[in-house]
PDB file of all heavy atoms in Angstrom:
ATOM      1  N   TYR A   1       6.260  -1.606  -3.469  1.00  0.00           N
ATOM      2  CA  TYR A   1       5.350  -1.428  -4.508  1.00  0.00           C
ATOM      3  C   TYR A   1       5.673  -2.185  -5.765  1.00  0.00           C
ATOM      4  O   TYR A   1       6.907  -2.313  -6.118  1.00  0.00           O
ATOM      5  CB  TYR A   1       5.165   0.077  -4.957  1.00  0.00           C
ATOM      6  CG  TYR A   1       4.939   1.008  -3.772  1.00  0.00           C
ATOM      7  CD1 TYR A   1       5.928   2.023  -3.471  1.00  0.00           C
ATOM      8  CD2 TYR A   1       3.776   0.987  -2.998  1.00  0.00           C
ATOM      9  CE1 TYR A   1       5.770   2.916  -2.538  1.00  0.00           C
ATOM     10  CE2 TYR A   1       3.600   1.974  -1.971  1.00  0.00           C
ATOM     11  CZ  TYR A   1       4.612   2.853  -1.745  1.00  0.00           C
ATOM     12  OH  TYR A   1       4.405   3.760  -0.731  1.00  0.00           O
ATOM     13  N   SER A   2       4.771  -2.707  -6.516  1.00  0.00           N
ATOM     14  CA  SER A   2       5.031  -3.248  -7.832  1.00  0.00           C
ATOM     15  C   SER A   2       3.842  -3.031  -8.792  1.00  0.00           C
ATOM     16  O   SER A   2       2.697  -3.264  -8.406  1.00  0.00           O
ATOM     17  CB  SER A   2       5.258  -4.711  -7.716  1.00  0.00           C
ATOM     18  OG  SER A   2       5.514  -5.368  -8.969  1.00  0.00           O
ATOM     19  N   ILE A   3       4.209  -2.512  -9.971  1.00  0.00           N
ATOM     20  CA  ILE A   3       3.147  -2.378 -10.997  1.00  0.00           C
ATOM     21  C   ILE A   3       2.784  -3.720 -11.485  1.00  0.00           C
ATOM     22  O   ILE A   3       3.585  -4.584 -11.728  1.00  0.00           O
ATOM     23  CB  ILE A   3       3.701  -1.430 -12.172  1.00  0.00           C
ATOM     24  CG1 ILE A   3       4.034  -0.058 -11.658  1.00  0.00           C
ATOM     25  CG2 ILE A   3       2.701  -1.411 -13.251  1.00  0.00           C
ATOM     26  CD1 ILE A   3       2.787   0.729 -11.150  1.00  0.00           C
ATOM     27  N   VAL A   4       1.490  -3.950 -11.744  1.00  0.00           N
ATOM     28  CA  VAL A   4       1.003  -5.206 -12.324  1.00  0.00           C
ATOM     29  C   VAL A   4       1.160  -5.160 -13.879  1.00  0.00           C
ATOM     30  O   VAL A   4       0.677  -4.233 -14.485  1.00  0.00           O
ATOM     31  CB  VAL A   4      -0.439  -5.410 -11.950  1.00  0.00           C
ATOM     32  CG1 VAL A   4      -1.042  -6.682 -12.711  1.00  0.00           C
ATOM     33  CG2 VAL A   4      -0.591  -5.614 -10.431  1.00  0.00           C
ATOM     34  N   VAL A   5       1.814  -6.151 -14.398  1.00  0.00           N
ATOM     35  CA  VAL A   5       1.959  -6.278 -15.836  1.00  0.00           C
ATOM     36  C   VAL A   5       0.799  -7.229 -16.296  1.00  0.00           C
ATOM     37  O   VAL A   5       0.685  -8.396 -15.950  1.00  0.00           O
ATOM     38  CB  VAL A   5       3.281  -6.928 -16.182  1.00  0.00           C
ATOM     39  CG1 VAL A   5       3.353  -7.146 -17.807  1.00  0.00           C
ATOM     40  CG2 VAL A   5       4.437  -6.028 -15.771  1.00  0.00           C
ATOM     41  N   ASN A   6      -0.058  -6.630 -17.136  1.00  0.00           N
ATOM     42  CA  ASN A   6      -1.294  -7.379 -17.598  1.00  0.00           C
ATOM     43  C   ASN A   6      -1.009  -7.980 -18.947  1.00  0.00           C
ATOM     44  O   ASN A   6      -0.930  -7.232 -19.983  1.00  0.00           O
ATOM     45  CB  ASN A   6      -2.452  -6.425 -17.626  1.00  0.00           C
ATOM     46  CG  ASN A   6      -3.778  -7.186 -17.790  1.00  0.00           C
ATOM     47  OD1 ASN A   6      -3.762  -8.338 -18.260  1.00  0.00           O
ATOM     48  ND2 ASN A   6      -4.882  -6.588 -17.300  1.00  0.00           N
ATOM     49  N   ASN A   7      -0.884  -9.288 -18.986  1.00  0.00           N
ATOM     50  CA  ASN A   7      -0.672  -9.989 -20.276  1.00  0.00           C
ATOM     51  C   ASN A   7      -1.973 -10.570 -20.840  1.00  0.00           C
ATOM     52  O   ASN A   7      -1.946 -11.456 -21.682  1.00  0.00           O
ATOM     53  CB  ASN A   7       0.341 -11.110 -20.116  1.00  0.00           C
ATOM     54  CG  ASN A   7       1.739 -10.579 -19.666  1.00  0.00           C
ATOM     55  OD1 ASN A   7       2.231  -9.605 -20.234  1.00  0.00           O
ATOM     56  ND2 ASN A   7       2.299 -11.225 -18.678  1.00  0.00           N
ATOM     57  N   PHE A   8      -3.091 -10.130 -20.270  1.00  0.00           N
ATOM     58  CA  PHE A   8      -4.450 -10.541 -20.615  1.00  0.00           C
ATOM     59  C   PHE A   8      -4.785 -11.960 -20.202  1.00  0.00           C
ATOM     60  O   PHE A   8      -5.778 -12.191 -19.684  1.00  0.00           O
ATOM     61  CB  PHE A   8      -4.625 -10.364 -22.210  1.00  0.00           C
ATOM     62  CG  PHE A   8      -4.449  -8.938 -22.678  1.00  0.00           C
ATOM     63  CD1 PHE A   8      -3.299  -8.537 -23.305  1.00  0.00           C
ATOM     64  CD2 PHE A   8      -5.523  -8.015 -22.438  1.00  0.00           C
ATOM     65  CE1 PHE A   8      -3.173  -7.223 -23.739  1.00  0.00           C
ATOM     66  CE2 PHE A   8      -5.360  -6.771 -22.925  1.00  0.00           C
ATOM     67  CZ  PHE A   8      -4.178  -6.324 -23.532  1.00  0.00           C
ATOM     68  N   THR A   9      -3.878 -12.914 -20.389  1.00  0.00           N
ATOM     69  CA  THR A   9      -4.129 -14.244 -19.928  1.00  0.00           C
ATOM     70  C   THR A   9      -3.616 -14.416 -18.584  1.00  0.00           C
ATOM     71  O   THR A   9      -4.100 -15.391 -17.832  1.00  0.00           O
ATOM     72  CB  THR A   9      -3.412 -15.246 -20.854  1.00  0.00           C
ATOM     73  OG1 THR A   9      -1.991 -14.939 -20.907  1.00  0.00           O
ATOM     74  CG2 THR A   9      -4.021 -15.204 -22.252  1.00  0.00           C
ATOM     75  N   ASP A  10      -2.741 -13.578 -18.116  1.00  0.00           N
ATOM     76  CA  ASP A  10      -2.181 -13.718 -16.705  1.00  0.00           C
ATOM     77  C   ASP A  10      -1.673 -12.345 -16.271  1.00  0.00           C
ATOM     78  O   ASP A  10      -1.455 -11.374 -17.095  1.00  0.00           O
ATOM     79  CB  ASP A  10      -1.139 -14.749 -16.517  1.00  0.00           C
ATOM     80  CG  ASP A  10       0.145 -14.443 -17.376  1.00  0.00           C
ATOM     81  OD1 ASP A  10       0.040 -13.675 -18.348  1.00  0.00           O
ATOM     82  OD2 ASP A  10       1.222 -14.940 -16.964  1.00  0.00           O
ATOM     83  N   LEU A  11      -1.392 -12.207 -14.967  1.00  0.00           N
ATOM     84  CA  LEU A  11      -0.805 -10.989 -14.435  1.00  0.00           C
ATOM     85  C   LEU A  11       0.491 -11.258 -13.633  1.00  0.00           C
ATOM     86  O   LEU A  11       0.593 -12.357 -13.104  1.00  0.00           O
ATOM     87  CB  LEU A  11      -1.838 -10.384 -13.409  1.00  0.00           C
ATOM     88  CG  LEU A  11      -3.230 -10.135 -13.791  1.00  0.00           C
ATOM     89  CD1 LEU A  11      -4.114  -9.753 -12.646  1.00  0.00           C
ATOM     90  CD2 LEU A  11      -3.318  -9.124 -14.918  1.00  0.00           C
ATOM     91  N   LYS A  12       1.410 -10.349 -13.746  1.00  0.00           N
ATOM     92  CA  LYS A  12       2.676 -10.552 -13.013  1.00  0.00           C
ATOM     93  C   LYS A  12       3.119  -9.302 -12.287  1.00  0.00           C
ATOM     94  O   LYS A  12       2.847  -8.099 -12.777  1.00  0.00           O
ATOM     95  CB  LYS A  12       3.701 -11.034 -14.045  1.00  0.00           C
ATOM     96  CG  LYS A  12       3.568 -12.394 -14.601  1.00  0.00           C
ATOM     97  CD  LYS A  12       4.631 -12.768 -15.566  1.00  0.00           C
ATOM     98  CE  LYS A  12       4.439 -14.139 -16.142  1.00  0.00           C
ATOM     99  NZ  LYS A  12       5.562 -14.479 -17.069  1.00  0.00           N
ATOM    100  N   CYS A  13       3.793  -9.431 -11.222  1.00  0.00           N
ATOM    101  CA  CYS A  13       4.449  -8.273 -10.527  1.00  0.00           C
ATOM    102  C   CYS A  13       5.838  -8.794  -9.983  1.00  0.00           C
ATOM    103  O   CYS A  13       5.814  -9.738  -9.113  1.00  0.00           O
ATOM    104  CB  CYS A  13       3.639  -7.677  -9.451  1.00  0.00           C
ATOM    105  SG  CYS A  13       2.972  -8.733  -8.213  1.00  0.00           S
ATOM    106  N   THR A  14       6.864  -8.283 -10.494  1.00  0.00           N
ATOM    107  CA  THR A  14       8.234  -8.729 -10.076  1.00  0.00           C
ATOM    108  C   THR A  14       9.175  -7.653  -9.735  1.00  0.00           C
ATOM    109  O   THR A  14      10.123  -7.871  -9.071  1.00  0.00           O
ATOM    110  CB  THR A  14       8.916  -9.478 -11.299  1.00  0.00           C
ATOM    111  OG1 THR A  14       8.918  -8.662 -12.470  1.00  0.00           O
ATOM    112  CG2 THR A  14       7.955 -10.821 -11.562  1.00  0.00           C
ATOM    113  N   ASN A  15       8.938  -6.434 -10.187  1.00  0.00           N
ATOM    114  CA  ASN A  15       9.862  -5.348  -9.944  1.00  0.00           C
ATOM    115  C   ASN A  15       9.416  -4.503  -8.749  1.00  0.00           C
ATOM    116  O   ASN A  15       8.628  -3.540  -8.918  1.00  0.00           O
ATOM    117  CB  ASN A  15       9.892  -4.374 -11.208  1.00  0.00           C
ATOM    118  CG  ASN A  15      10.981  -3.353 -11.066  1.00  0.00           C
ATOM    119  OD1 ASN A  15      11.981  -3.495 -10.329  1.00  0.00           O
ATOM    120  ND2 ASN A  15      10.729  -2.248 -11.723  1.00  0.00           N
ATOM    121  N   TRP A  16       9.916  -4.884  -7.641  1.00  0.00           N
ATOM    122  CA  TRP A  16       9.493  -4.251  -6.307  1.00  0.00           C
ATOM    123  C   TRP A  16      10.287  -2.942  -6.034  1.00  0.00           C
ATOM    124  O   TRP A  16      11.526  -2.950  -6.181  1.00  0.00           O
ATOM    125  CB  TRP A  16       9.613  -5.198  -5.176  1.00  0.00           C
ATOM    126  CG  TRP A  16       8.703  -6.330  -5.301  1.00  0.00           C
ATOM    127  CD1 TRP A  16       9.000  -7.594  -5.663  1.00  0.00           C
ATOM    128  CD2 TRP A  16       7.263  -6.362  -4.941  1.00  0.00           C
ATOM    129  NE1 TRP A  16       7.878  -8.362  -5.647  1.00  0.00           N
ATOM    130  CE2 TRP A  16       6.805  -7.658  -5.149  1.00  0.00           C
ATOM    131  CE3 TRP A  16       6.400  -5.352  -4.383  1.00  0.00           C
ATOM    132  CZ2 TRP A  16       5.504  -8.036  -4.922  1.00  0.00           C
ATOM    133  CZ3 TRP A  16       5.084  -5.753  -4.187  1.00  0.00           C
ATOM    134  CH2 TRP A  16       4.616  -7.113  -4.440  1.00  0.00           C
ATOM    135  N   ILE A  17       9.623  -1.898  -5.734  1.00  0.00           N
ATOM    136  CA  ILE A  17      10.248  -0.599  -5.366  1.00  0.00           C
ATOM    137  C   ILE A  17       9.989  -0.347  -3.930  1.00  0.00           C
ATOM    138  O   ILE A  17       8.812  -0.256  -3.527  1.00  0.00           O
ATOM    139  CB  ILE A  17       9.729   0.562  -6.324  1.00  0.00           C
ATOM    140  CG1 ILE A  17      10.041   0.194  -7.774  1.00  0.00           C
ATOM    141  CG2 ILE A  17      10.399   1.871  -5.868  1.00  0.00           C
ATOM    142  CD1 ILE A  17       9.397   1.210  -8.714  1.00  0.00           C
ATOM    143  N   PRO A  18      10.977  -0.150  -3.136  1.00  0.00           N
ATOM    144  CA  PRO A  18      10.793   0.091  -1.667  1.00  0.00           C
ATOM    145  C   PRO A  18      10.365   1.550  -1.387  1.00  0.00           C
ATOM    146  O   PRO A  18      10.848   2.500  -2.066  1.00  0.00           O
ATOM    147  CB  PRO A  18      12.158  -0.241  -1.089  1.00  0.00           C
ATOM    148  CG  PRO A  18      13.111  -0.046  -2.206  1.00  0.00           C
ATOM    149  CD  PRO A  18      12.432  -0.286  -3.445  1.00  0.00           C
ATOM    150  N   GLU A  19       9.534   1.689  -0.370  1.00  0.00           N
ATOM    151  CA  GLU A  19       9.160   3.031   0.091  1.00  0.00           C
ATOM    152  C   GLU A  19      10.158   3.471   1.226  1.00  0.00           C
ATOM    153  O   GLU A  19      10.547   2.648   2.060  1.00  0.00           O
ATOM    154  CB  GLU A  19       7.745   2.967   0.702  1.00  0.00           C
ATOM    155  CG  GLU A  19       7.316   4.147   1.500  1.00  0.00           C
ATOM    156  CD  GLU A  19       7.262   5.341   0.687  1.00  0.00           C
ATOM    157  OE1 GLU A  19       6.602   5.429  -0.382  1.00  0.00           O
ATOM    158  OE2 GLU A  19       7.861   6.408   1.143  1.00  0.00           O
ATOM    159  N   GLU A  20      10.647   4.680   1.131  1.00  0.00           N
ATOM    160  CA  GLU A  20      11.581   5.137   2.155  1.00  0.00           C
ATOM    161  C   GLU A  20      11.044   5.309   3.504  1.00  0.00           C
ATOM    162  O   GLU A  20      11.719   5.170   4.523  1.00  0.00           O
ATOM    163  CB  GLU A  20      12.177   6.467   1.636  1.00  0.00           C
ATOM    164  CG  GLU A  20      12.944   6.373   0.318  1.00  0.00           C
ATOM    165  CD  GLU A  20      13.520   7.781  -0.029  1.00  0.00           C
ATOM    166  OE1 GLU A  20      13.162   8.743   0.600  1.00  0.00           O
ATOM    167  OE2 GLU A  20      14.312   7.778  -0.989  1.00  0.00           O
ATOM    168  N   ASN A  21       9.695   5.673   3.602  1.00  0.00           N
ATOM    169  CA  ASN A  21       9.196   6.045   4.822  1.00  0.00           C
ATOM    170  C   ASN A  21       8.249   4.932   5.453  1.00  0.00           C
ATOM    171  O   ASN A  21       7.868   3.936   4.719  1.00  0.00           O
ATOM    172  CB  ASN A  21       8.318   7.268   4.734  1.00  0.00           C
ATOM    173  CG  ASN A  21       9.087   8.467   4.263  1.00  0.00           C
ATOM    174  OD1 ASN A  21       9.968   8.948   4.900  1.00  0.00           O
ATOM    175  ND2 ASN A  21       8.735   9.024   3.133  1.00  0.00           N
ATOM    176  N   SER A  22       7.971   5.039   6.731  1.00  0.00           N
ATOM    177  CA  SER A  22       7.011   4.188   7.320  1.00  0.00           C
ATOM    178  C   SER A  22       5.754   5.019   7.637  1.00  0.00           C
ATOM    179  O   SER A  22       5.824   6.231   7.477  1.00  0.00           O
ATOM    180  CB  SER A  22       7.529   3.570   8.702  1.00  0.00           C
ATOM    181  OG  SER A  22       8.745   2.821   8.472  1.00  0.00           O
ATOM    182  N   VAL A  23       4.655   4.413   8.000  1.00  0.00           N
ATOM    183  CA  VAL A  23       3.398   5.157   8.098  1.00  0.00           C
ATOM    184  C   VAL A  23       2.736   4.744   9.445  1.00  0.00           C
ATOM    185  O   VAL A  23       2.550   3.516   9.743  1.00  0.00           O
ATOM    186  CB  VAL A  23       2.465   4.927   6.954  1.00  0.00           C
ATOM    187  CG1 VAL A  23       1.187   5.693   7.146  1.00  0.00           C
ATOM    188  CG2 VAL A  23       3.125   5.255   5.626  1.00  0.00           C
ATOM    189  N   ILE A  24       2.318   5.710  10.236  1.00  0.00           N
ATOM    190  CA  ILE A  24       1.457   5.495  11.381  1.00  0.00           C
ATOM    191  C   ILE A  24       0.093   5.961  11.064  1.00  0.00           C
ATOM    192  O   ILE A  24      -0.131   7.025  10.440  1.00  0.00           O
ATOM    193  CB  ILE A  24       1.972   6.372  12.626  1.00  0.00           C
ATOM    194  CG1 ILE A  24       3.354   5.901  13.000  1.00  0.00           C
ATOM    195  CG2 ILE A  24       0.995   6.249  13.739  1.00  0.00           C
ATOM    196  CD1 ILE A  24       4.028   6.791  14.043  1.00  0.00           C
ATOM    197  N   GLU A  25      -0.899   5.090  11.332  1.00  0.00           N
ATOM    198  CA  GLU A  25      -2.326   5.540  11.243  1.00  0.00           C
ATOM    199  C   GLU A  25      -3.009   5.410  12.561  1.00  0.00           C
ATOM    200  O   GLU A  25      -3.006   4.449  13.201  1.00  0.00           O
ATOM    201  CB  GLU A  25      -3.011   4.685  10.124  1.00  0.00           C
ATOM    202  CG  GLU A  25      -4.407   5.215   9.805  1.00  0.00           C
ATOM    203  CD  GLU A  25      -5.015   4.593   8.587  1.00  0.00           C
ATOM    204  OE1 GLU A  25      -4.407   3.621   7.980  1.00  0.00           O
ATOM    205  OE2 GLU A  25      -6.006   5.057   8.097  1.00  0.00           O
ATOM    206  N   LEU A  26      -3.780   6.464  12.886  1.00  0.00           N
ATOM    207  CA  LEU A  26      -4.634   6.544  14.053  1.00  0.00           C
ATOM    208  C   LEU A  26      -6.045   6.450  13.658  1.00  0.00           C
ATOM    209  O   LEU A  26      -6.459   7.199  12.777  1.00  0.00           O
ATOM    210  CB  LEU A  26      -4.301   7.763  14.871  1.00  0.00           C
ATOM    211  CG  LEU A  26      -2.957   7.857  15.562  1.00  0.00           C
ATOM    212  CD1 LEU A  26      -2.664   9.248  16.010  1.00  0.00           C
ATOM    213  CD2 LEU A  26      -2.881   6.857  16.752  1.00  0.00           C
ATOM    214  N   LYS A  27      -6.859   5.620  14.330  1.00  0.00           N
ATOM    215  CA  LYS A  27      -8.256   5.429  14.046  1.00  0.00           C
ATOM    216  C   LYS A  27      -8.953   5.584  15.329  1.00  0.00           C
ATOM    217  O   LYS A  27      -8.754   4.801  16.264  1.00  0.00           O
ATOM    218  CB  LYS A  27      -8.456   4.082  13.380  1.00  0.00           C
ATOM    219  CG  LYS A  27      -7.640   3.878  12.107  1.00  0.00           C
ATOM    220  CD  LYS A  27      -7.859   2.468  11.504  1.00  0.00           C
ATOM    221  CE  LYS A  27      -6.922   2.270  10.315  1.00  0.00           C
ATOM    222  NZ  LYS A  27      -7.121   0.895   9.732  1.00  0.00           N
ATOM    223  N   TYR A  28     -10.032   6.462  15.305  1.00  0.00           N
ATOM    224  CA  TYR A  28     -10.644   6.737  16.616  1.00  0.00           C
ATOM    225  C   TYR A  28     -11.979   7.426  16.357  1.00  0.00           C
ATOM    226  O   TYR A  28     -12.285   7.988  15.288  1.00  0.00           O
ATOM    227  CB  TYR A  28      -9.807   7.675  17.402  1.00  0.00           C
ATOM    228  CG  TYR A  28      -9.504   9.052  16.769  1.00  0.00           C
ATOM    229  CD1 TYR A  28     -10.247  10.152  17.048  1.00  0.00           C
ATOM    230  CD2 TYR A  28      -8.501   9.120  15.725  1.00  0.00           C
ATOM    231  CE1 TYR A  28      -9.981  11.410  16.415  1.00  0.00           C
ATOM    232  CE2 TYR A  28      -8.245  10.287  15.187  1.00  0.00           C
ATOM    233  CZ  TYR A  28      -8.982  11.432  15.374  1.00  0.00           C
ATOM    234  OH  TYR A  28      -8.670  12.671  14.842  1.00  0.00           O
ATOM    235  N   ASP A  29     -12.902   7.325  17.341  1.00  0.00           N
ATOM    236  CA  ASP A  29     -14.078   8.066  17.377  1.00  0.00           C
ATOM    237  C   ASP A  29     -13.838   9.507  17.855  1.00  0.00           C
ATOM    238  O   ASP A  29     -12.839   9.694  18.563  1.00  0.00           O
ATOM    239  CB  ASP A  29     -15.169   7.536  18.297  1.00  0.00           C
ATOM    240  CG  ASP A  29     -15.526   6.063  17.786  1.00  0.00           C
ATOM    241  OD1 ASP A  29     -15.598   5.907  16.636  1.00  0.00           O
ATOM    242  OD2 ASP A  29     -15.764   5.201  18.734  1.00  0.00           O
ATOM    243  N   TYR A  30     -14.667  10.493  17.479  1.00  0.00           N
ATOM    244  CA  TYR A  30     -14.382  11.867  17.791  1.00  0.00           C
ATOM    245  C   TYR A  30     -14.796  12.126  19.192  1.00  0.00           C
ATOM    246  O   TYR A  30     -16.002  12.498  19.471  1.00  0.00           O
ATOM    247  CB  TYR A  30     -14.993  12.827  16.844  1.00  0.00           C
ATOM    248  CG  TYR A  30     -14.579  14.169  16.990  1.00  0.00           C
ATOM    249  CD1 TYR A  30     -13.318  14.549  16.380  1.00  0.00           C
ATOM    250  CD2 TYR A  30     -15.245  15.210  17.739  1.00  0.00           C
ATOM    251  CE1 TYR A  30     -12.825  15.924  16.571  1.00  0.00           C
ATOM    252  CE2 TYR A  30     -14.727  16.498  17.811  1.00  0.00           C
ATOM    253  CZ  TYR A  30     -13.581  16.822  17.231  1.00  0.00           C
ATOM    254  OH  TYR A  30     -13.078  18.086  17.385  1.00  0.00           O
ATOM    255  N   LEU A  31     -13.941  11.855  20.246  1.00  0.00           N
ATOM    256  CA  LEU A  31     -14.175  12.159  21.589  1.00  0.00           C
ATOM    257  C   LEU A  31     -13.067  13.041  22.112  1.00  0.00           C
ATOM    258  O   LEU A  31     -11.897  12.987  21.728  1.00  0.00           O
ATOM    259  CB  LEU A  31     -14.258  10.893  22.427  1.00  0.00           C
ATOM    260  CG  LEU A  31     -15.339   9.848  21.960  1.00  0.00           C
ATOM    261  CD1 LEU A  31     -15.180   8.557  22.754  1.00  0.00           C
ATOM    262  CD2 LEU A  31     -16.726  10.424  22.194  1.00  0.00           C
ATOM    263  N   SER A  32     -13.415  13.902  23.097  1.00  0.00           N
ATOM    264  CA  SER A  32     -12.344  14.823  23.625  1.00  0.00           C
ATOM    265  C   SER A  32     -11.243  14.073  24.225  1.00  0.00           C
ATOM    266  O   SER A  32     -10.056  14.462  24.044  1.00  0.00           O
ATOM    267  CB  SER A  32     -13.082  15.702  24.677  1.00  0.00           C
ATOM    268  OG  SER A  32     -13.579  15.036  25.737  1.00  0.00           O
ATOM    269  N   GLU A  33     -11.493  12.987  24.954  1.00  0.00           N
ATOM    270  CA  GLU A  33     -10.396  12.236  25.547  1.00  0.00           C
ATOM    271  C   GLU A  33      -9.488  11.599  24.557  1.00  0.00           C
ATOM    272  O   GLU A  33      -8.250  11.429  24.621  1.00  0.00           O
ATOM    273  CB  GLU A  33     -10.870  11.169  26.575  1.00  0.00           C
ATOM    274  CG  GLU A  33     -11.896  10.237  25.938  1.00  0.00           C
ATOM    275  CD  GLU A  33     -13.298  10.669  26.218  1.00  0.00           C
ATOM    276  OE1 GLU A  33     -13.516  11.957  26.240  1.00  0.00           O
ATOM    277  OE2 GLU A  33     -14.204   9.800  26.347  1.00  0.00           O
ATOM    278  N   ASN A  34     -10.078  11.194  23.394  1.00  0.00           N
ATOM    279  CA  ASN A  34      -9.281  10.604  22.199  1.00  0.00           C
ATOM    280  C   ASN A  34      -8.425  11.760  21.665  1.00  0.00           C
ATOM    281  O   ASN A  34      -7.179  11.488  21.320  1.00  0.00           O
ATOM    282  CB  ASN A  34     -10.099  10.092  21.204  1.00  0.00           C
ATOM    283  CG  ASN A  34     -10.769   8.816  21.573  1.00  0.00           C
ATOM    284  OD1 ASN A  34     -10.436   8.210  22.609  1.00  0.00           O
ATOM    285  ND2 ASN A  34     -11.830   8.439  20.853  1.00  0.00           N
TER     286      ASN A  34
END
């Protein structure tokens, strides 16, 4: 992650912060077999 620094004439992001976790996402239609 990085917060965007807004200088009005331009934007910058340089200070990256790592996330400790990974993420799984499941996407599906609502069916009994799913």
